[in-house]
Amino acid sequence: MRDYVILTDSSCDLSQEMADELGVVVAPLTVMIDGNSYRNYLDGREIAFQEFYSKLRAGKQGSTSAVNVDEFCSAMRGPLQEGKDILYLGFSSGLSATYQSGTLAAEDMRSEYPEATILAVDTLSASMGQGLLVYLAVQEKRKGMTIQELRDYVEGIKLSIAHWFTVDDLNHLKRGGRISAAAALLGSTLNIKPILHVDNEGHLISVGKVRGRRQSIKKLLEEMSANGVDFAEQTVFISHGDALEDAELLADMIRESLSVKEVVINYIGPVIGAHSGPGTIALFFLAKGR
C-alpha cells in the first residue's frame, strides 16, 4: 500500500505547530487588506494575526480569494513526487470556491501522475471545525486506515462536527450580507450578539441572538451541553478573532461543566476573520448532528 498525506487549506485555522505535529500539508489562501495581498500561512509569516485584527479595528476592510488551481497543484506535486497519494480535505463549498479549485487541481495531477490516488472531500466545514475534522482524520490514519477507508470515515463523520459562533461586531456580518444595515445598527445599539452555526450544506447561518457578550459565550456552552456526545473523550477546538481572554473563559466553562478530554485554542486566521471580524468566538465539537 502506498503511503499518503492529508492536504488541507489554511482556512482550517490550525496552529503551525499542530499542523506540523499532525504531518498535514496546508495550502495557503489569500487575504487582501489595506491595499496589500497576503497569503494566509498558519504561522502568520506574511501578516501576523494581531496585526491583521488591528487593521480591522482601525476600519480597514479585508477581502479574500480562493487558492488558485496552480497553487494547489504546487502543494500536491511535492508529495506526489515522493510517491505518495493525497487525500484533500477542503474548505466548505458553501462558503468558498476553494474546494472547487482543489478538485480541479486534483484532476490535473491525476493526469500528470496516473499511478497516484488523489481523493477529495468537501468538508462542509470552516475554521477550526475544518481543523477538527483534519485532526480526527489524522488519528484514524495513524491507526492504519487506507486512503479510501479514511475518505469514507471523513464523509461519514463530517456532519457530526458542530460549528457554533458568536461575533462581537455586527458590521462585518453586514458587509458580508449576513444581516441588514438596519439590523446591524439596532443590534449594536442594544448590545445584541448573534448566535450562528454552519449547517449541513456548509453555509453560515444565524440561528438566534442574545443580549451581552458573556451571555453569547454562555450560549455556545449551552449548545454543546445539549448536543455534544462522549464529553470525556472529546478534544474540543475553540478559535477566536483576537479575543484570547474570552476564548479561555469559554474553555474554562467547558472544562468545569463538561469535563472534556482536551481544549485546543487558536486564532481565527485572516481568511475567515475578514468576514467574521475581531472578537469572534467559535466552538467546535463532536455532536449528535450540526
Protein backbone atom coordinates (compact mmCIF):
# COMPACT_ATOMS: atom_id res chain seq x y z
CA MET A 1 0.00 0.00 0.00
CA ARG A 2 1.33 3.41 -0.97
CA ASP A 3 1.76 5.98 1.76
CA TYR A 4 -0.45 9.06 1.58
CA VAL A 5 -0.70 12.55 3.01
CA ILE A 6 -3.64 14.66 4.11
CA LEU A 7 -3.80 18.01 2.35
CA THR A 8 -5.99 20.88 3.53
CA ASP A 9 -6.09 24.66 3.17
CA SER A 10 -5.33 27.43 5.64
CA SER A 11 -8.97 28.11 6.47
CA CYS A 12 -8.56 25.13 8.84
CA ASP A 13 -7.06 27.63 11.36
CA LEU A 14 -4.81 25.05 12.98
CA SER A 15 -1.65 26.38 14.55
CA GLN A 16 1.53 25.77 12.58
CA GLU A 17 2.80 23.66 15.45
CA MET A 18 -0.25 21.39 15.38
CA ALA A 19 -0.18 21.09 11.58
CA ASP A 20 3.48 20.07 11.78
CA GLU A 21 2.78 17.54 14.53
CA LEU A 22 -0.11 16.08 12.53
CA GLY A 23 2.02 15.93 9.38
CA VAL A 24 -0.56 17.60 7.15
CA VAL A 25 0.17 19.69 4.05
CA VAL A 26 -1.55 23.09 4.11
CA ALA A 27 -2.15 25.25 1.03
CA PRO A 28 -2.37 28.97 1.94
CA LEU A 29 -5.38 31.03 0.93
CA THR A 30 -5.06 34.77 0.26
CA VAL A 31 -6.40 37.82 2.07
CA MET A 32 -6.38 41.42 0.83
CA ILE A 33 -6.38 44.36 3.24
CA ASP A 34 -5.23 47.96 3.16
CA GLY A 35 -4.20 47.70 -0.50
CA ASN A 36 -1.97 44.67 0.02
CA SER A 37 -2.32 40.95 -0.64
CA TYR A 38 -1.06 38.37 1.85
CA ARG A 39 -1.01 34.61 1.81
CA ASN A 40 -2.61 33.21 4.94
CA TYR A 41 0.12 30.91 6.24
CA LEU A 42 -0.67 29.24 9.55
CA ASP A 43 2.36 30.85 11.20
CA GLY A 44 1.35 34.36 10.09
CA ARG A 45 4.64 34.88 8.25
CA GLU A 46 3.17 37.34 5.74
CA ILE A 47 0.77 39.10 8.09
CA ALA A 48 0.63 38.46 11.83
CA PHE A 49 -2.82 37.72 13.20
CA GLN A 50 -2.75 40.56 15.73
CA GLU A 51 -1.64 42.98 13.01
CA PHE A 52 -4.50 41.86 10.79
CA TYR A 53 -7.10 42.37 13.51
CA SER A 54 -5.60 45.75 14.41
CA LYS A 55 -6.19 46.84 10.82
CA LEU A 56 -9.81 45.67 11.00
CA ARG A 57 -10.34 47.57 14.25
CA ALA A 58 -8.87 50.65 12.58
CA GLY A 59 -11.60 50.47 9.94
CA LYS A 60 -9.77 48.66 7.14
CA GLN A 61 -11.81 46.12 5.20
CA GLY A 62 -10.46 42.69 4.37
CA SER A 63 -11.40 40.52 1.42
CA THR A 64 -10.39 37.04 0.33
CA SER A 65 -9.79 34.92 -2.73
CA ALA A 66 -9.64 31.18 -3.18
CA VAL A 67 -6.38 29.33 -3.68
CA ASN A 68 -5.91 29.18 -7.43
CA VAL A 69 -5.51 25.88 -9.23
CA ASP A 70 -1.78 26.38 -9.86
CA GLU A 71 -1.10 26.88 -6.14
CA PHE A 72 -2.98 23.70 -5.32
CA CYS A 73 -1.04 21.83 -8.00
CA SER A 74 2.18 23.10 -6.44
CA ALA A 75 1.08 21.88 -2.98
CA MET A 76 0.14 18.48 -4.40
CA ARG A 77 3.19 17.98 -6.56
CA GLY A 78 5.65 17.61 -3.66
CA PRO A 79 4.01 14.54 -2.07
CA LEU A 80 3.27 13.04 -5.48
CA GLN A 81 6.92 13.33 -6.49
CA GLU A 82 7.75 11.40 -3.32
CA GLY A 83 5.47 8.58 -4.46
CA LYS A 84 2.66 9.38 -2.01
CA ASP A 85 -1.09 9.55 -2.57
CA ILE A 86 -3.22 12.51 -1.43
CA LEU A 87 -6.46 12.93 0.49
CA TYR A 88 -7.61 16.55 0.18
CA LEU A 89 -9.99 17.87 2.88
CA GLY A 90 -11.25 21.22 1.62
CA PHE A 91 -12.91 24.37 2.96
CA SER A 92 -16.72 24.23 2.74
CA SER A 93 -18.08 24.70 -0.79
CA GLY A 94 -20.98 26.52 0.87
CA LEU A 95 -18.64 29.35 1.84
CA SER A 96 -15.90 29.45 -0.78
CA ALA A 97 -14.80 28.33 -4.25
CA THR A 98 -11.62 26.92 -2.70
CA TYR A 99 -12.83 23.31 -2.78
CA GLN A 100 -13.63 23.63 -6.49
CA SER A 101 -10.07 24.84 -7.15
CA GLY A 102 -8.74 21.90 -5.18
CA THR A 103 -10.75 19.36 -7.16
CA LEU A 104 -9.67 20.93 -10.47
CA ALA A 105 -6.05 20.67 -9.34
CA ALA A 106 -6.64 17.04 -8.36
CA GLU A 107 -7.88 16.31 -11.88
CA ASP A 108 -4.76 17.91 -13.38
CA MET A 109 -2.49 15.97 -11.04
CA ARG A 110 -4.21 12.67 -11.84
CA SER A 111 -3.26 13.23 -15.47
CA GLU A 112 0.32 14.08 -14.52
CA TYR A 113 0.65 11.21 -12.02
CA PRO A 114 -1.69 8.47 -13.32
CA GLU A 115 -0.30 5.92 -10.85
CA ALA A 116 -1.38 8.06 -7.87
CA THR A 117 -4.63 8.05 -5.92
CA ILE A 118 -5.89 11.58 -5.27
CA LEU A 119 -9.18 11.84 -3.38
CA ALA A 120 -11.10 14.93 -2.29
CA VAL A 121 -13.71 15.59 0.40
CA ASP A 122 -15.81 18.73 0.71
CA THR A 123 -15.71 19.04 4.48
CA LEU A 124 -18.67 21.46 4.58
CA SER A 125 -16.66 22.89 7.48
CA ALA A 126 -14.74 26.06 8.26
CA SER A 127 -12.12 27.44 10.63
CA MET A 128 -11.22 25.02 13.39
CA GLY A 129 -14.25 22.90 12.54
CA GLN A 130 -12.34 22.01 9.41
CA GLY A 131 -9.25 21.76 11.61
CA LEU A 132 -11.01 19.37 13.99
CA LEU A 133 -12.01 17.15 11.10
CA VAL A 134 -8.40 17.10 9.89
CA TYR A 135 -7.24 16.30 13.44
CA LEU A 136 -9.67 13.39 13.75
CA ALA A 137 -8.70 12.11 10.30
CA VAL A 138 -5.03 12.03 11.28
CA GLN A 139 -5.86 9.98 14.39
CA GLU A 140 -7.54 7.36 12.20
CA LYS A 141 -4.74 7.44 9.63
CA ARG A 142 -2.30 6.66 12.43
CA LYS A 143 -4.36 3.59 13.29
CA GLY A 144 -3.70 2.24 9.81
CA MET A 145 -6.69 3.26 7.70
CA THR A 146 -6.16 3.15 3.95
CA ILE A 147 -6.76 6.33 1.98
CA GLN A 148 -10.13 5.03 0.74
CA GLU A 149 -11.16 3.99 4.24
CA LEU A 150 -10.19 7.40 5.61
CA ARG A 151 -12.09 9.19 2.86
CA ASP A 152 -15.20 7.20 3.79
CA TYR A 153 -14.63 7.88 7.51
CA VAL A 154 -14.42 11.64 6.92
CA GLU A 155 -17.53 11.61 4.75
CA GLY A 156 -19.34 9.75 7.50
CA ILE A 157 -18.33 11.99 10.39
CA LYS A 158 -18.20 15.47 8.86
CA LEU A 159 -21.82 16.36 9.66
CA SER A 160 -21.16 15.47 13.29
CA ILE A 161 -18.69 18.35 13.64
CA ALA A 162 -20.80 21.09 15.24
CA HIS A 163 -19.81 24.72 14.50
CA TRP A 164 -21.15 27.42 16.83
CA PHE A 165 -20.10 31.08 16.58
CA THR A 166 -20.80 34.43 18.13
CA VAL A 167 -19.47 37.74 16.82
CA ASP A 168 -18.75 40.96 18.67
CA ASP A 169 -19.09 43.45 15.80
CA LEU A 170 -22.19 43.15 13.64
CA ASN A 171 -20.80 45.42 10.94
CA HIS A 172 -18.66 42.65 9.49
CA LEU A 173 -21.74 40.45 9.07
CA LYS A 174 -23.49 43.41 7.46
CA ARG A 175 -20.66 43.84 4.91
CA GLY A 176 -20.83 40.14 4.12
CA GLY A 177 -24.57 40.32 3.51
CA ARG A 178 -25.44 38.14 6.52
CA ILE A 179 -27.60 40.82 8.16
CA SER A 180 -29.13 44.12 7.03
CA ALA A 181 -27.70 47.53 7.83
CA ALA A 182 -30.75 48.26 9.99
CA ALA A 183 -30.30 45.05 11.94
CA ALA A 184 -26.63 45.81 12.47
CA LEU A 185 -27.38 49.30 13.75
CA LEU A 186 -30.17 48.13 16.05
CA GLY A 187 -28.14 45.20 17.34
CA SER A 188 -25.13 47.35 18.09
CA THR A 189 -27.27 49.88 19.92
CA LEU A 190 -28.93 47.21 22.07
CA ASN A 191 -25.74 45.16 22.60
CA ILE A 192 -27.29 42.23 20.72
CA LYS A 193 -24.94 39.36 19.88
CA PRO A 194 -25.95 36.89 17.17
CA ILE A 195 -25.51 33.14 17.51
CA LEU A 196 -24.56 31.43 14.26
CA HIS A 197 -23.67 27.96 13.09
CA VAL A 198 -22.62 26.12 9.94
CA ASP A 199 -25.44 23.95 8.61
CA ASN A 200 -25.43 20.63 6.76
CA GLU A 201 -24.90 22.39 3.44
CA GLY A 202 -21.82 24.15 4.77
CA HIS A 203 -23.44 27.58 4.96
CA LEU A 204 -23.04 30.01 7.86
CA ILE A 205 -26.50 30.89 9.15
CA SER A 206 -27.85 32.95 12.02
CA VAL A 207 -29.94 30.92 14.44
CA GLY A 208 -30.57 33.29 17.33
CA LYS A 209 -29.41 36.27 19.35
CA VAL A 210 -28.79 37.18 22.96
CA ARG A 211 -28.01 40.38 24.79
CA GLY A 212 -24.49 40.83 26.06
CA ARG A 213 -21.10 39.31 25.38
CA ARG A 214 -20.98 36.92 28.35
CA GLN A 215 -24.46 35.60 27.55
CA SER A 216 -23.39 34.89 23.97
CA ILE A 217 -20.40 32.88 25.20
CA LYS A 218 -22.62 31.03 27.65
CA LYS A 219 -24.98 30.20 24.80
CA LEU A 220 -22.17 28.38 22.96
CA LEU A 221 -21.64 26.24 26.05
CA GLU A 222 -25.37 25.53 26.25
CA GLU A 223 -25.41 24.32 22.64
CA MET A 224 -22.54 21.98 23.35
CA SER A 225 -24.18 20.71 26.56
CA ALA A 226 -27.39 19.95 24.65
CA ASN A 227 -25.91 18.40 21.52
CA GLY A 228 -22.41 17.10 22.27
CA VAL A 229 -21.50 13.43 22.74
CA ASP A 230 -18.89 11.48 24.74
CA PHE A 231 -17.59 14.56 26.53
CA ALA A 232 -14.91 12.70 28.48
CA GLU A 233 -13.30 11.54 25.22
CA GLN A 234 -13.67 14.81 23.34
CA THR A 235 -10.94 17.11 22.10
CA VAL A 236 -12.74 20.42 21.64
CA PHE A 237 -11.48 23.25 19.42
CA ILE A 238 -12.07 26.97 20.02
CA SER A 239 -11.00 29.70 17.62
CA HIS A 240 -11.08 33.43 18.24
CA GLY A 241 -10.75 36.73 16.42
CA ASP A 242 -8.03 38.22 18.63
CA ALA A 243 -10.11 37.61 21.76
CA LEU A 244 -7.99 35.14 23.68
CA GLU A 245 -9.37 36.10 27.10
CA ASP A 246 -12.93 35.28 26.03
CA ALA A 247 -11.79 32.07 24.34
CA GLU A 248 -10.11 31.00 27.57
CA LEU A 249 -13.25 31.91 29.52
CA LEU A 250 -15.28 29.59 27.29
CA ALA A 251 -12.64 26.87 27.63
CA ASP A 252 -12.76 27.11 31.42
CA MET A 253 -16.56 26.91 31.39
CA ILE A 254 -16.42 23.79 29.21
CA ARG A 255 -13.83 22.09 31.39
CA GLU A 256 -15.81 22.83 34.54
CA SER A 257 -19.22 21.87 33.16
CA LEU A 258 -18.45 19.00 30.82
CA SER A 259 -15.04 17.62 31.86
CA VAL A 260 -13.82 17.18 28.29
CA LYS A 261 -10.53 15.45 27.49
CA GLU A 262 -8.80 18.50 25.99
CA VAL A 263 -9.49 22.02 24.71
CA VAL A 264 -7.37 23.49 21.91
CA ILE A 265 -7.46 27.26 21.27
CA ASN A 266 -6.11 29.15 18.27
CA TYR A 267 -6.68 32.29 16.22
CA ILE A 268 -9.27 32.61 13.51
CA GLY A 269 -6.99 33.29 10.57
CA PRO A 270 -7.35 36.27 8.23
CA VAL A 271 -9.35 34.36 5.60
CA ILE A 272 -12.24 33.65 7.99
CA GLY A 273 -11.56 36.73 10.13
CA ALA A 274 -12.03 39.10 7.19
CA HIS A 275 -15.71 38.13 7.23
CA SER A 276 -16.33 37.48 10.94
CA GLY A 277 -14.30 40.36 12.38
CA PRO A 278 -12.48 40.96 15.66
CA GLY A 279 -13.93 39.43 18.80
CA THR A 280 -15.48 36.39 17.13
CA ILE A 281 -15.58 33.27 19.30
CA ALA A 282 -16.19 29.89 17.65
CA LEU A 283 -16.68 26.48 19.26
CA PHE A 284 -16.28 23.11 17.50
CA PHE A 285 -17.10 19.69 18.92
CA LEU A 286 -18.46 16.27 18.07
CA ALA A 287 -22.23 16.20 18.30
CA LYS A 288 -25.34 14.21 17.50
CA GLY A 289 -25.59 16.46 14.45
CA ARG A 290 -24.90 20.01 13.44
